[in-house]
N, C-alpha and C. Protein backbone atom coordinates (compact mmCIF):
# COMPACT_ATOMS: atom_id res chain seq x y z
N MET A 1 -7.17 -1.71 18.17
CA MET A 1 -5.90 -2.00 17.40
C MET A 1 -4.90 -2.02 18.14
N GLY A 2 -5.17 -1.10 19.06
CA GLY A 2 -3.52 -0.97 19.92
C GLY A 2 -2.32 -1.75 20.36
N GLY A 3 -1.16 -1.66 19.34
CA GLY A 3 -0.19 -2.39 19.33
C GLY A 3 0.04 -3.24 18.19
N SER A 4 -0.91 -3.03 17.38
CA SER A 4 -0.49 -4.16 16.21
C SER A 4 0.51 -3.62 15.43
N VAL A 5 0.78 -4.04 14.49
CA VAL A 5 1.99 -3.36 13.97
C VAL A 5 2.50 -4.66 12.53
N ILE A 6 2.63 -3.73 11.41
CA ILE A 6 2.73 -4.42 10.17
C ILE A 6 4.66 -4.62 10.33
N GLY A 7 4.85 -5.83 10.30
CA GLY A 7 6.19 -6.62 10.40
C GLY A 7 6.91 -7.80 8.79
N PRO A 8 7.64 -7.80 9.67
CA PRO A 8 8.54 -8.45 7.95
C PRO A 8 8.32 -9.95 8.36
N GLY A 9 7.58 -10.11 9.53
CA GLY A 9 6.22 -11.82 8.77
C GLY A 9 5.21 -12.07 8.25
N GLY A 10 5.18 -13.01 8.12
CA GLY A 10 3.80 -13.37 7.69
C GLY A 10 3.79 -14.72 5.83
N LEU A 11 2.66 -14.16 5.71
CA LEU A 11 2.15 -15.03 4.98
C LEU A 11 2.33 -14.59 3.46
N GLY A 12 2.49 -14.78 2.70
CA GLY A 12 2.77 -14.77 1.38
C GLY A 12 1.77 -15.58 -0.01
N ILE A 13 1.38 -14.44 -0.48
CA ILE A 13 0.07 -14.91 -1.50
C ILE A 13 0.03 -14.30 -2.97
N PRO A 14 0.51 -14.61 -3.73
CA PRO A 14 0.77 -14.42 -4.77
C PRO A 14 -0.13 -13.74 -5.87
N ARG A 15 -1.09 -13.39 -5.30
CA ARG A 15 -2.18 -13.05 -6.04
C ARG A 15 -3.06 -11.55 -5.73
N ALA A 16 -3.49 -11.23 -6.42
CA ALA A 16 -4.96 -9.73 -6.83
C ALA A 16 -6.03 -10.77 -5.37
N MET A 17 -6.39 -9.16 -4.56
CA MET A 17 -7.31 -10.41 -3.90
C MET A 17 -8.12 -8.65 -3.97
N GLU A 18 -9.40 -8.89 -3.57
CA GLU A 18 -9.82 -7.41 -3.50
C GLU A 18 -11.13 -8.05 -2.37
N THR A 19 -10.68 -6.60 -1.41
CA THR A 19 -11.96 -5.97 -0.30
C THR A 19 -12.55 -5.26 -0.58
N ARG A 20 -14.28 -5.35 -0.35
CA ARG A 20 -14.87 -3.87 -0.92
C ARG A 20 -15.61 -3.82 0.17
N HIS A 21 -15.62 -3.42 0.76
CA HIS A 21 -16.78 -2.87 2.17
C HIS A 21 -18.04 -2.28 1.94
N ASP A 22 -19.37 -2.89 2.87
CA ASP A 22 -20.38 -2.22 2.12
C ASP A 22 -21.20 -0.51 2.75
N GLN A 23 -19.67 0.07 3.63
CA GLN A 23 -20.05 1.42 3.96
C GLN A 23 -19.49 2.63 2.88
N ASP A 24 -20.29 3.50 2.55
CA ASP A 24 -19.92 4.82 1.58
C ASP A 24 -19.36 5.51 2.83
N ARG A 25 -18.86 5.52 3.57
CA ARG A 25 -18.89 6.52 4.22
C ARG A 25 -16.93 6.88 4.29
N CYS A 26 -17.12 8.12 4.93
CA CYS A 26 -15.10 8.25 4.96
C CYS A 26 -14.77 9.62 6.16
N GLY A 27 -13.98 8.27 7.07
CA GLY A 27 -14.46 9.56 8.29
C GLY A 27 -15.37 10.16 8.97
N GLY A 28 -16.91 9.64 8.64
CA GLY A 28 -17.70 9.64 8.97
C GLY A 28 -18.85 10.70 8.06
N GLN A 29 -18.08 11.02 7.23
CA GLN A 29 -18.95 11.37 6.12
C GLN A 29 -19.72 11.38 4.87
N ASP A 30 -20.57 11.37 4.62
CA ASP A 30 -21.11 10.98 3.87
C ASP A 30 -20.33 11.23 2.37
N ARG A 31 -19.64 10.12 1.64
CA ARG A 31 -19.67 10.46 -0.17
C ARG A 31 -18.87 9.07 -0.03
N HIS A 32 -18.36 8.91 -1.47
CA HIS A 32 -18.53 7.85 -2.19
C HIS A 32 -16.74 7.12 -1.53
N PRO A 33 -16.65 6.24 -1.61
CA PRO A 33 -15.29 6.06 -0.67
C PRO A 33 -14.00 6.35 -1.65
N ARG A 34 -12.75 6.18 -0.59
CA ARG A 34 -11.02 5.84 -1.72
C ARG A 34 -10.64 4.42 -1.96
N THR A 35 -10.44 4.54 -2.63
CA THR A 35 -9.73 3.39 -2.74
C THR A 35 -8.22 3.31 -2.87
N LEU A 36 -7.84 2.07 -2.17
CA LEU A 36 -6.64 2.45 -1.47
C LEU A 36 -6.13 0.69 -2.28
N LEU A 37 -4.64 0.60 -2.57
CA LEU A 37 -4.33 -0.07 -2.96
C LEU A 37 -2.98 -0.44 -2.03
N VAL A 38 -3.34 -1.80 -1.58
CA VAL A 38 -1.65 -2.16 -0.56
C VAL A 38 -1.33 -3.32 -1.16
N VAL A 39 0.13 -3.46 -1.66
CA VAL A 39 0.86 -3.49 -2.34
C VAL A 39 1.98 -4.91 -2.05
N ASP A 40 1.94 -5.94 -0.84
CA ASP A 40 2.34 -6.40 -0.05
C ASP A 40 2.40 -8.09 -0.31
N ASP A 41 3.43 -8.35 0.07
CA ASP A 41 3.73 -10.53 0.11
C ASP A 41 3.01 -11.14 0.21
N GLN A 42 2.70 -10.30 1.96
CA GLN A 42 2.43 -10.44 3.50
C GLN A 42 0.80 -10.17 3.45
N ALA A 43 0.40 -11.09 3.32
CA ALA A 43 -1.24 -11.42 3.43
C ALA A 43 -1.89 -10.94 4.87
N SER A 44 -0.97 -10.83 5.78
CA SER A 44 -1.23 -10.67 7.03
C SER A 44 -0.97 -9.17 7.11
N ALA A 45 0.00 -8.86 6.71
CA ALA A 45 -0.12 -7.44 6.27
C ALA A 45 -1.36 -6.52 5.74
N ARG A 46 -1.46 -7.17 4.61
CA ARG A 46 -2.67 -6.44 3.58
C ARG A 46 -4.03 -6.49 4.56
N HIS A 47 -4.10 -7.74 5.16
CA HIS A 47 -5.34 -7.92 6.19
C HIS A 47 -5.70 -6.79 7.17
N LEU A 48 -4.43 -6.39 7.73
CA LEU A 48 -4.78 -5.59 9.18
C LEU A 48 -4.86 -4.41 7.88
N VAL A 49 -4.24 -4.06 7.05
CA VAL A 49 -4.38 -2.79 6.46
C VAL A 49 -5.89 -2.75 6.22
N ALA A 50 -6.73 -3.60 5.56
CA ALA A 50 -7.72 -3.65 5.10
C ALA A 50 -8.59 -3.69 6.85
N HIS A 51 -8.17 -4.47 7.30
CA HIS A 51 -9.17 -4.42 8.29
C HIS A 51 -9.32 -2.74 9.04
N ALA A 52 -8.65 -2.32 9.57
CA ALA A 52 -7.90 -1.06 9.67
C ALA A 52 -8.43 -0.20 9.38
N LEU A 53 -8.78 0.03 8.41
CA LEU A 53 -9.71 0.96 6.81
C LEU A 53 -10.96 0.71 6.38
N ARG A 54 -11.16 -0.13 6.82
CA ARG A 54 -12.43 -0.28 6.55
C ARG A 54 -14.05 0.20 6.28
N HIS A 55 -13.79 1.23 7.53
CA HIS A 55 -14.34 2.47 6.94
C HIS A 55 -13.89 3.68 6.68
N CYS A 56 -13.50 3.20 5.99
CA CYS A 56 -13.07 4.52 4.86
C CYS A 56 -13.12 4.48 3.49
N CYS A 57 -12.17 3.67 3.65
CA CYS A 57 -11.71 2.94 1.78
C CYS A 57 -12.40 2.01 1.82
N ARG A 58 -12.17 1.52 0.29
CA ARG A 58 -12.39 0.11 -0.30
C ARG A 58 -11.25 0.00 -0.83
N VAL A 59 -10.66 -1.15 -0.26
CA VAL A 59 -9.00 -1.61 -0.51
C VAL A 59 -9.02 -3.13 -1.21
N LEU A 60 -7.95 -2.28 -2.19
CA LEU A 60 -7.47 -3.84 -2.73
C LEU A 60 -6.63 -4.16 -2.39
N GLU A 61 -6.08 -5.30 -2.80
CA GLU A 61 -5.04 -6.18 -2.28
C GLU A 61 -4.01 -6.71 -3.33
N ALA A 62 -2.82 -6.51 -3.65
CA ALA A 62 -2.14 -7.27 -4.40
C ALA A 62 -0.89 -8.05 -4.05
N GLY A 63 -0.47 -9.31 -3.87
CA GLY A 63 0.95 -9.36 -3.63
C GLY A 63 1.93 -9.73 -3.90
N ASP A 64 1.93 -9.30 -5.34
CA ASP A 64 3.04 -9.20 -6.63
C ASP A 64 2.92 -8.24 -7.14
N ARG A 65 4.27 -7.99 -8.04
CA ARG A 65 3.75 -6.76 -9.24
C ARG A 65 3.00 -6.79 -9.78
N ARG A 66 2.81 -8.00 -10.36
CA ARG A 66 2.13 -8.55 -11.99
C ARG A 66 0.67 -8.21 -11.12
N SER A 67 0.17 -8.70 -10.26
CA SER A 67 -1.26 -8.10 -10.02
C SER A 67 -1.25 -6.42 -9.39
N ALA A 68 -0.58 -6.09 -8.58
CA ALA A 68 -0.60 -4.40 -8.38
C ALA A 68 -0.51 -3.53 -9.71
N ILE A 69 -0.31 -3.86 -11.20
CA ILE A 69 0.02 -3.38 -11.86
C ILE A 69 -1.02 -4.03 -12.51
N GLU A 70 -1.72 -5.03 -12.90
CA GLU A 70 -3.04 -5.29 -13.07
C GLU A 70 -4.72 -4.21 -12.31
N LEU A 71 -3.69 -4.20 -11.37
CA LEU A 71 -5.37 -3.83 -10.43
C LEU A 71 -5.27 -2.20 -11.25
N LEU A 72 -3.80 -1.95 -10.97
CA LEU A 72 -3.77 -0.08 -10.96
C LEU A 72 -4.90 0.07 -12.88
N VAL A 73 -4.36 -1.23 -13.66
CA VAL A 73 -4.71 -0.64 -15.11
C VAL A 73 -6.34 -1.09 -14.97
N ARG A 74 -7.09 -1.95 -14.10
CA ARG A 74 -8.36 -1.88 -14.39
C ARG A 74 -9.34 -1.28 -13.20
N GLU A 75 -8.43 -0.62 -12.37
CA GLU A 75 -9.57 0.29 -11.13
C GLU A 75 -8.72 1.41 -11.13
N PRO A 76 -9.93 2.81 -10.42
CA PRO A 76 -9.38 3.89 -10.29
C PRO A 76 -9.05 3.52 -8.47
N VAL A 77 -7.43 4.06 -8.55
CA VAL A 77 -6.72 4.14 -7.33
C VAL A 77 -6.72 5.45 -6.65
N ASP A 78 -6.50 5.51 -5.45
CA ASP A 78 -6.18 7.06 -4.98
C ASP A 78 -5.18 6.80 -4.14
N LEU A 79 -4.89 5.67 -3.52
CA LEU A 79 -3.10 5.87 -2.99
C LEU A 79 -2.90 4.46 -2.61
N VAL A 80 -1.67 4.36 -2.93
CA VAL A 80 -0.82 2.36 -3.08
C VAL A 80 -0.15 3.32 -1.80
N LEU A 81 0.32 1.42 -1.44
CA LEU A 81 0.88 1.68 0.10
C LEU A 81 1.32 0.14 -0.37
N LEU A 82 2.90 0.61 -0.86
CA LEU A 82 3.50 -0.39 -1.37
C LEU A 82 4.92 -0.87 -0.64
N ASP A 83 4.57 -2.93 -0.41
CA ASP A 83 6.24 -2.95 0.06
C ASP A 83 6.95 -2.89 -1.03
N LEU A 84 8.72 -3.43 -1.15
CA LEU A 84 9.29 -3.08 -1.83
C LEU A 84 9.94 -4.71 -2.58
N HIS A 85 10.05 -5.21 -1.13
CA HIS A 85 10.29 -6.55 -1.18
C HIS A 85 8.92 -7.79 -2.01
N LEU A 86 8.89 -7.82 -2.85
CA LEU A 86 7.83 -8.61 -3.76
C LEU A 86 8.12 -10.08 -4.46
N PRO A 87 7.63 -10.98 -4.34
CA PRO A 87 7.57 -12.27 -5.40
C PRO A 87 7.82 -11.96 -6.86
N PRO A 88 8.32 -12.16 -7.52
CA PRO A 88 9.72 -13.47 -7.46
C PRO A 88 10.81 -13.12 -6.83
N ALA A 89 11.11 -12.42 -6.78
CA ALA A 89 12.86 -11.12 -5.77
C ALA A 89 12.75 -11.08 -4.63
N PRO A 90 12.26 -11.68 -3.27
CA PRO A 90 11.75 -10.85 -2.53
C PRO A 90 13.46 -10.50 -1.78
N ALA A 91 14.16 -11.03 -2.22
CA ALA A 91 15.64 -10.52 -1.46
C ALA A 91 16.09 -9.22 -1.94
N SER A 92 15.06 -8.84 -2.97
CA SER A 92 16.02 -7.49 -3.76
C SER A 92 14.55 -6.92 -3.96
N PRO A 93 14.72 -4.91 -3.62
CA PRO A 93 13.52 -4.11 -3.68
C PRO A 93 13.06 -4.29 -5.48
N SER A 94 13.83 -4.83 -6.05
CA SER A 94 13.45 -4.61 -7.76
C SER A 94 11.58 -4.54 -7.62
N GLU A 95 11.08 -5.77 -7.17
CA GLU A 95 9.98 -5.93 -8.50
C GLU A 95 9.29 -4.60 -7.15
N GLY A 96 9.02 -3.91 -5.99
CA GLY A 96 8.56 -2.66 -5.61
C GLY A 96 9.35 -1.43 -6.89
N LEU A 97 10.18 -1.63 -7.01
CA LEU A 97 10.89 0.02 -7.51
C LEU A 97 10.27 -0.25 -9.01
N SER A 98 9.43 -1.77 -9.01
CA SER A 98 9.28 -1.87 -10.90
C SER A 98 7.67 -1.10 -10.61
N VAL A 99 7.21 -1.78 -9.71
CA VAL A 99 5.94 -0.98 -9.81
C VAL A 99 6.22 0.65 -9.56
N HIS A 100 6.53 1.38 -8.66
CA HIS A 100 6.54 2.17 -8.13
C HIS A 100 6.84 2.96 -9.70
N ARG A 101 7.73 2.72 -10.45
CA ARG A 101 8.04 3.09 -11.76
C ARG A 101 6.87 3.36 -12.65
N PHE A 102 6.28 2.41 -12.98
CA PHE A 102 5.30 2.04 -13.91
C PHE A 102 4.39 3.12 -13.02
N ILE A 103 3.81 3.57 -11.43
CA ILE A 103 3.04 4.46 -11.38
C ILE A 103 3.38 5.82 -11.33
N ARG A 104 4.76 6.15 -11.74
CA ARG A 104 5.20 7.35 -12.29
C ARG A 104 4.89 7.71 -13.50
N GLU A 105 5.19 6.45 -14.29
CA GLU A 105 5.07 6.71 -15.46
C GLU A 105 3.64 6.52 -16.30
N HIS A 106 2.90 5.78 -15.62
CA HIS A 106 1.60 6.21 -16.09
C HIS A 106 0.49 7.18 -14.77
N GLU A 107 0.42 7.19 -13.88
CA GLU A 107 -0.17 7.56 -13.19
C GLU A 107 0.59 8.95 -12.03
N PRO A 108 1.18 9.96 -13.18
CA PRO A 108 2.31 10.59 -11.94
C PRO A 108 2.25 11.15 -10.53
N GLY A 109 0.32 11.82 -10.20
CA GLY A 109 -0.05 12.07 -9.20
C GLY A 109 -0.36 11.46 -8.27
N LEU A 110 -0.07 9.79 -8.87
CA LEU A 110 -1.33 8.64 -7.64
C LEU A 110 0.02 9.12 -6.38
N PRO A 111 -0.62 9.05 -5.41
CA PRO A 111 0.25 9.17 -4.04
C PRO A 111 0.73 7.87 -3.97
N VAL A 112 2.16 7.77 -3.58
CA VAL A 112 2.48 6.41 -2.91
C VAL A 112 3.29 6.92 -1.51
N VAL A 113 2.66 5.92 -0.49
CA VAL A 113 3.80 5.27 0.58
C VAL A 113 3.92 4.33 0.91
N VAL A 114 5.37 3.94 0.88
CA VAL A 114 6.43 2.94 1.08
C VAL A 114 6.31 2.44 2.41
N VAL A 115 6.26 1.23 2.61
CA VAL A 115 6.01 0.55 3.48
C VAL A 115 7.17 -0.66 3.69
N SER A 116 8.47 -0.79 3.82
CA SER A 116 9.25 -2.01 3.65
C SER A 116 10.01 -1.88 4.85
N GLY A 117 10.75 -3.14 4.39
CA GLY A 117 11.74 -3.55 5.34
C GLY A 117 13.23 -2.75 5.27
N ASN A 118 12.79 -2.55 3.98
CA ASN A 118 14.23 -1.64 3.41
C ASN A 118 14.63 -1.18 4.21
N GLU A 119 16.51 -0.99 4.50
CA GLU A 119 17.27 -0.16 5.15
C GLU A 119 17.78 0.40 5.06
N ASP A 120 18.04 0.50 2.87
CA ASP A 120 19.17 0.90 2.36
C ASP A 120 18.89 2.28 2.19
N PRO A 121 18.95 3.54 2.65
CA PRO A 121 19.02 4.57 2.89
C PRO A 121 18.86 5.44 1.32
N ALA A 122 19.75 4.83 0.06
CA ALA A 122 20.05 5.85 -0.54
C ALA A 122 18.76 5.00 -1.60
N VAL A 123 17.97 3.69 -1.56
CA VAL A 123 16.71 3.26 -1.93
C VAL A 123 15.86 4.03 -1.60
N ARG A 124 15.70 4.65 -0.47
CA ARG A 124 14.94 5.95 0.40
C ARG A 124 15.07 6.58 -0.20
N GLN A 125 15.94 7.96 -0.60
CA GLN A 125 16.55 8.60 -0.87
C GLN A 125 15.68 9.01 -2.87
N ALA A 126 16.09 7.75 -3.38
CA ALA A 126 15.39 7.60 -4.53
C ALA A 126 14.35 7.65 -4.66
N LEU A 127 13.54 7.05 -4.26
CA LEU A 127 12.05 6.52 -4.00
C LEU A 127 11.70 8.20 -3.55
N LEU A 128 11.41 8.63 -2.57
CA LEU A 128 11.37 9.92 -1.53
C LEU A 128 11.13 11.00 -3.04
N GLY A 129 13.22 10.86 -3.89
CA GLY A 129 12.86 12.26 -4.56
C GLY A 129 11.99 11.68 -6.05
N SER A 130 11.54 10.68 -5.93
CA SER A 130 11.17 10.32 -7.38
C SER A 130 9.52 10.19 -7.53
N GLY A 131 9.09 11.31 -6.18
CA GLY A 131 7.34 11.11 -6.13
C GLY A 131 6.73 10.58 -4.98
N ALA A 132 7.49 9.13 -4.49
CA ALA A 132 7.04 8.26 -2.91
C ALA A 132 6.70 9.90 -1.77
N ARG A 133 5.29 9.73 -1.42
CA ARG A 133 5.10 10.84 -0.38
C ARG A 133 5.33 10.46 0.81
N ALA A 134 6.16 8.88 1.38
CA ALA A 134 6.52 8.94 2.65
C ALA A 134 6.87 7.77 2.79
N PHE A 135 7.84 7.22 3.20
CA PHE A 135 8.68 6.05 3.05
C PHE A 135 8.69 5.42 4.39
N LEU A 136 7.82 4.49 5.16
CA LEU A 136 7.94 3.81 6.52
C LEU A 136 8.56 2.69 6.76
N ALA A 137 9.68 2.51 7.88
CA ALA A 137 10.38 1.35 8.27
C ALA A 137 9.15 0.23 9.03
N LYS A 138 9.12 -1.59 8.20
CA LYS A 138 8.76 -2.25 8.95
C LYS A 138 9.94 -2.57 10.34
N PRO A 139 9.35 -3.05 11.18
CA PRO A 139 7.48 -2.56 11.61
C PRO A 139 6.61 -1.35 11.86
N VAL A 140 5.46 -1.42 11.70
CA VAL A 140 5.26 0.05 11.72
C VAL A 140 3.74 -0.09 12.40
N ALA A 141 3.72 0.84 13.58
CA ALA A 141 2.41 0.80 13.86
C ALA A 141 1.16 1.31 12.79
N ALA A 142 -0.11 0.31 13.42
CA ALA A 142 -0.81 0.02 12.06
C ALA A 142 -2.12 1.66 12.79
N GLU A 143 -0.92 2.44 13.84
CA GLU A 143 -2.31 3.60 14.21
C GLU A 143 -1.32 4.26 13.15
N LYS A 144 -0.15 4.85 13.34
CA LYS A 144 0.50 5.63 12.36
C LYS A 144 0.64 5.26 10.58
N LEU A 145 -0.12 4.06 9.93
CA LEU A 145 -0.22 3.34 9.34
C LEU A 145 -1.80 4.18 8.63
N VAL A 146 -2.69 4.12 9.67
CA VAL A 146 -3.87 4.16 9.36
C VAL A 146 -4.02 6.35 9.21
N ALA A 147 -3.42 6.74 10.09
CA ALA A 147 -3.20 8.23 10.08
C ALA A 147 -2.40 8.75 8.81
N ILE A 148 -1.44 8.14 8.32
CA ILE A 148 -1.08 8.64 7.27
C ILE A 148 -1.52 8.75 5.93
N VAL A 149 -2.66 7.35 5.83
CA VAL A 149 -3.36 7.10 4.68
C VAL A 149 -4.34 8.13 4.82
N GLN A 150 -5.05 8.24 5.99
CA GLN A 150 -6.29 9.25 6.54
C GLN A 150 -5.55 10.57 5.65
N GLN A 151 -4.58 11.54 6.08
CA GLN A 151 -4.57 12.69 6.00
C GLN A 151 -4.04 12.71 4.95
N LEU A 152 -3.53 11.54 3.77
CA LEU A 152 -3.54 11.72 2.45
C LEU A 152 -4.62 11.75 1.73
N LEU A 153 -5.50 11.03 1.72
CA LEU A 153 -6.46 11.06 1.43
C LEU A 153 -8.19 11.72 1.67
N GLY A 154 -7.14 12.45 2.94
CA GLY A 154 -8.83 13.60 3.01
C GLY A 154 -9.95 12.74 3.97
N CYS A 155 -9.53 11.64 4.41
CA CYS A 155 -10.76 10.87 5.20
C CYS A 155 -10.71 10.86 6.90
């Protein structure tokens, strides 16, 4: 996957899609796979993460706030990768901030990694101050993102 990046362009599909993988392996060790929720309105970004982590994670995908919250209520999730700019208001970080607020209220220990093109330092500090484990600016190298996910999930 050398050189692959998760960038600010791409297609947006505003509905949840679930990708399950056949392997029950995480980092080469036999165990039940961890579940990762990727919340991003760019289908290409979600698919890149799903492909990169198919060997160690079951990946759920959501393209908007509503779908993300529905999956969080319905499925046990071990980690969330969260973009802030989601439909129906992609020009504002409000939809992503709503997802983060929901997670903090209902699953306070759930690790969240924000992956966003938002460059506002106040937004970044607010998220990190309220429990986000990391804030990565887009475009981010897929290898870096995979390394952070594997570190946080222990796989």
